[in-house]
Protein backbone atom coordinates (compact mmCIF):
# COMPACT_ATOMS: atom_id res chain seq x y z
CA MET A 1 -1.71 5.69 -40.96
CA LYS A 2 -2.79 8.39 -43.42
CA SER A 3 -5.76 8.43 -45.77
CA ASN A 4 -6.36 11.63 -47.71
CA GLU A 5 -6.04 14.28 -44.96
CA ASP A 6 -6.99 11.92 -42.13
CA LEU A 7 -4.18 10.77 -39.86
CA LEU A 8 -4.34 7.96 -37.31
CA VAL A 9 -1.57 7.61 -34.73
CA VAL A 10 -1.46 4.38 -32.71
CA ALA A 11 0.60 4.57 -29.53
CA HIS A 12 1.10 2.62 -26.32
CA VAL A 13 -0.22 3.63 -22.94
CA VAL A 14 2.62 4.11 -20.46
CA PRO A 15 3.50 0.51 -19.43
CA GLU A 16 3.17 -0.43 -15.79
CA HIS A 17 5.92 -2.22 -13.91
CA ASP A 18 4.19 -5.62 -13.71
CA GLU A 19 2.14 -5.33 -16.91
CA ALA A 20 2.68 -8.27 -19.27
CA GLY A 21 0.74 -6.92 -22.26
CA ARG A 22 0.54 -3.54 -23.90
CA ARG A 23 -2.50 -1.26 -24.10
CA GLY A 24 -3.02 0.97 -27.09
CA VAL A 25 -4.33 4.50 -27.42
CA LEU A 26 -5.49 6.14 -30.69
CA PHE A 27 -5.01 9.72 -31.84
CA TRP A 28 -6.96 10.78 -34.92
CA ARG A 29 -6.72 13.99 -36.94
CA ASP A 30 -9.59 14.53 -39.35
CA GLN A 31 -9.60 16.48 -42.62
CA GLN A 32 -10.61 19.68 -40.81
CA GLY A 33 -7.51 19.50 -38.62
CA GLU A 34 -9.35 18.50 -35.46
CA TRP A 35 -7.73 15.97 -33.14
CA ARG A 36 -9.52 13.28 -31.14
CA CYS A 37 -8.25 10.70 -28.67
CA SER A 38 -9.62 7.28 -27.75
CA ASN A 39 -8.99 7.76 -24.01
CA GLY A 40 -11.14 10.89 -23.76
CA ASP A 41 -8.37 13.50 -23.47
CA PRO A 42 -9.05 16.85 -25.18
CA GLY A 43 -8.04 16.45 -28.80
CA LYS A 44 -5.75 19.46 -29.17
CA VAL A 45 -3.62 18.58 -26.16
CA ALA A 46 -4.07 14.81 -26.17
CA LEU A 47 -0.63 14.02 -27.59
CA GLY A 48 0.99 16.49 -25.21
CA MET A 49 -0.77 14.91 -22.25
CA HIS A 50 0.32 11.50 -23.48
CA LEU A 51 3.94 12.63 -23.52
CA ASP A 52 3.47 14.20 -20.08
CA ARG A 53 2.56 10.78 -18.70
CA TYR A 54 5.76 9.30 -20.10
CA ALA A 55 7.78 12.17 -18.65
CA LYS A 56 6.18 11.69 -15.24
CA ARG A 57 6.95 7.96 -15.23
CA ILE A 58 10.57 8.60 -16.21
CA ASP A 59 10.88 11.12 -13.36
CA GLN A 60 9.57 8.47 -10.94
CA TYR A 61 12.19 5.99 -12.11
CA GLU A 62 14.90 8.63 -11.85
CA LEU A 63 13.95 9.16 -8.21
CA GLN A 64 14.10 5.42 -7.56
CA GLU A 65 17.50 5.23 -9.25
CA THR A 66 18.77 8.04 -7.05
CA ILE A 67 17.91 6.29 -3.78
CA ALA A 68 18.82 2.76 -4.94
CA THR A 69 21.94 1.31 -3.32
CA ARG A 70 21.71 -2.48 -3.65
CA ALA A 71 21.30 -4.88 -6.54
CA ASP A 72 17.85 -5.79 -5.17
CA ASP A 73 16.86 -2.14 -5.57
CA TYR A 74 18.02 -1.91 -9.17
CA LEU A 75 16.40 -5.13 -10.40
CA PRO A 76 12.74 -3.94 -10.22
CA LEU A 77 13.90 -0.60 -11.61
CA LEU A 78 15.36 -2.27 -14.70
CA GLU A 79 12.29 -4.47 -15.08
CA GLY A 80 10.13 -1.35 -15.21
CA LEU A 81 12.48 0.65 -17.43
CA ALA A 82 12.92 -2.00 -20.13
CA PRO A 83 9.34 -1.82 -21.50
CA LEU A 84 9.32 1.96 -21.00
CA VAL A 85 12.43 2.33 -23.16
CA ARG A 86 10.85 0.25 -25.93
CA SER A 87 7.59 2.19 -25.76
CA CYS A 88 9.41 5.54 -25.92
CA ARG A 89 11.41 4.36 -28.92
CA ASN A 90 8.29 3.14 -30.69
CA LEU A 91 6.49 6.38 -29.90
CA LEU A 92 9.37 8.38 -31.39
CA GLU A 93 9.32 6.32 -34.58
CA THR A 94 5.53 6.65 -34.86
CA LEU A 95 5.58 10.43 -34.41
CA GLU A 96 8.40 10.70 -36.93
CA GLU A 97 6.28 8.87 -39.50
CA ALA A 98 3.32 11.08 -38.63
CA ARG A 99 5.43 14.20 -39.11
CA LYS A 100 6.51 12.98 -42.53
CA ALA A 101 2.90 12.21 -43.44
CA LEU A 102 1.75 15.73 -42.42
CA PRO A 103 4.80 18.01 -42.62
CA GLU A 104 2.62 21.11 -42.35
CA GLU A 105 1.30 20.03 -38.91
CA ARG A 106 3.66 22.03 -36.69
CA PRO A 107 2.58 20.46 -33.35
CA LEU A 108 3.69 17.04 -34.64
CA ILE A 109 7.24 18.36 -35.01
CA ASP A 110 7.22 19.59 -31.42
CA HIS A 111 5.81 16.29 -30.18
CA ARG A 112 8.40 14.38 -32.20
CA ASP A 113 11.23 16.42 -30.72
CA ARG A 114 9.92 15.89 -27.20
CA ALA A 115 9.50 12.16 -27.83
CA TYR A 116 13.16 12.06 -28.88
CA ASP A 117 14.19 13.72 -25.61
CA LEU A 118 12.07 11.28 -23.59
CA SER A 119 13.43 8.28 -25.49
CA ARG A 120 17.01 9.40 -24.95
CA GLN A 121 16.35 10.15 -21.28
CA ALA A 122 14.82 6.70 -20.73
CA GLU A 123 17.73 4.96 -22.48
CA LEU A 124 20.34 6.85 -20.45
CA LEU A 125 18.47 6.10 -17.24
CA TYR A 126 18.34 2.42 -18.13
CA GLU A 127 22.08 2.34 -18.84
CA ASP A 128 22.88 4.20 -15.61
CA ALA A 129 20.72 1.82 -13.58
CA LYS A 130 22.29 -1.21 -15.26
CA ASN A 131 25.82 0.05 -14.64
CA SER A 132 25.00 0.91 -11.04
CA MET A 133 23.56 -2.56 -10.49
CA ASP A 134 26.73 -4.13 -11.92
CA VAL A 135 28.82 -2.05 -9.52
CA ALA A 136 26.57 -3.05 -6.61
CA ILE A 137 26.92 -6.72 -7.54
CA ILE A 138 30.71 -6.42 -7.75
CA ARG A 139 30.85 -4.60 -4.44
CA ARG A 140 28.66 -7.25 -2.80
CA ALA A 141 30.79 -10.03 -4.27
CA ASP A 142 33.91 -8.33 -2.92
CA GLU A 143 32.34 -8.06 0.53
CA GLN A 144 31.42 -11.74 0.45
CA ALA A 145 34.95 -12.64 -0.68
CA ASN A 146 36.43 -10.65 2.21
CA SER A 147 34.03 -12.29 4.65
CA THR A 148 34.90 -15.73 3.30
CA HIS A 149 38.61 -14.92 3.62
CA GLN A 150 38.19 -13.86 7.24
CA MET A 151 36.29 -17.06 8.02
CA THR A 152 38.98 -19.12 6.31
CA VAL A 153 41.72 -17.41 8.30
CA ALA A 154 39.80 -17.93 11.56
CA ALA A 155 39.19 -21.61 10.74
CA HIS A 156 42.88 -22.06 9.89
CA ARG A 157 43.96 -20.52 13.19
CA LEU A 158 41.51 -22.74 15.05
CA ASN A 159 42.91 -25.80 13.31
CA MET A 160 46.45 -24.75 14.22
CA LEU A 161 45.47 -24.32 17.87
CA ALA A 162 43.72 -27.67 17.86
CA ALA A 163 46.79 -29.31 16.30
CA MET A 164 49.05 -27.78 18.94
CA PHE A 165 46.96 -28.76 21.95
CA PHE A 166 45.54 -32.07 20.74
CA PRO A 167 48.68 -34.01 21.76
CA PHE A 168 48.55 -32.46 25.23
CA ALA A 169 44.93 -33.48 25.63
CA THR A 170 45.67 -37.00 24.40
CA LEU A 171 48.75 -37.52 26.56
CA GLY A 172 46.99 -35.97 29.54
CA ALA A 173 44.10 -38.35 29.08
CA ILE A 174 46.43 -41.32 28.94
CA PHE A 175 48.87 -40.51 31.72
CA GLY A 176 46.37 -38.75 33.93
CA THR A 177 44.46 -41.96 34.63
CA THR A 178 44.89 -44.15 37.69
CA LEU A 179 46.84 -46.54 35.49
CA THR A 180 50.08 -44.68 36.33
CA ASP A 181 49.46 -44.07 40.02
CA ASN A 182 51.68 -46.96 41.14
CA TRP A 183 54.49 -46.30 38.69
CA SER A 184 57.74 -45.42 40.42
CA TRP A 185 58.43 -42.36 38.24
CA SER A 186 54.89 -40.97 38.41
CA HIS A 187 55.76 -38.83 41.48
CA SER A 188 58.76 -37.15 39.84
CA VAL A 189 58.98 -33.88 37.92
CA LEU A 190 60.75 -35.52 34.99
CA PRO A 191 57.67 -37.24 33.56
CA PHE A 192 55.83 -33.93 33.52
CA VAL A 193 58.69 -32.26 31.65
CA LEU A 194 58.83 -35.14 29.17
CA PHE A 195 55.06 -34.87 28.81
CA LEU A 196 55.34 -31.19 27.87
CA ILE A 197 58.22 -31.75 25.47
CA ALA A 198 56.54 -34.70 23.76
CA GLY A 199 53.23 -32.87 23.44
CA LEU A 200 54.93 -29.77 22.05
CA LEU A 201 56.92 -31.74 19.47
CA ILE A 202 53.91 -33.72 18.34
CA GLY A 203 51.85 -30.50 18.18
CA VAL A 204 54.46 -28.80 16.01
CA VAL A 205 54.52 -31.78 13.66
CA LEU A 206 50.72 -31.82 13.36
CA ALA A 207 50.59 -28.06 12.83
CA GLY A 208 53.19 -28.36 10.07
CA ILE A 209 51.15 -31.08 8.37
CA ILE A 210 48.00 -28.96 8.53
CA ALA A 211 49.77 -25.82 7.30
CA LYS A 212 51.31 -27.66 4.34
CA PRO A 213 49.58 -26.54 1.10
CA ALA A 214 47.61 -29.23 -0.65
CA SER A 215 48.95 -30.51 -3.94
CA LYS A 216 47.12 -29.52 -7.10
CA PRO A 217 45.05 -32.27 -8.72
């Protein structure tokens, strides 16, 4: 806001990760060209120090993005970057309006140019983190799909083994009881051979039924 030769710049304090609201900071240039700041920073370097805080926070997020490997690592990073990107963009627009209001104030041009660099850096970092999180999610989904496939194959093999040996267990339970002790053929080898053949045939039939693909609904 400009009135005569007075200029008031309203900006946001660097947003914290878990901060719901936004805190403002005021920079005022009086008619004599002196700058003042509402947070107590020295007037001449207040805007530069404000931009330094944004640069420092972006560097912190860049470090986090470098060491992040899982989707759980990228989620808090994106939550912190989203408000930072908006604040950097708003700061750039505000400094651009201030530069137009006081075109002869050379430091405002430098601050505007630096705000542009910070805004672009924050946006690129946000996009990189978002893309990396998408890749991590896809990779995790692929790992889960492979694990599910392995479990399905193991369960199928177990079902096939159960189908093959279930008839043997059933026939063994029936003909292994004392019910057949007094049968005339119970002491011959032939019943045992028939037992194996019958169990094998029944097992093959059951395995074929299990292996048959289910019909589509």
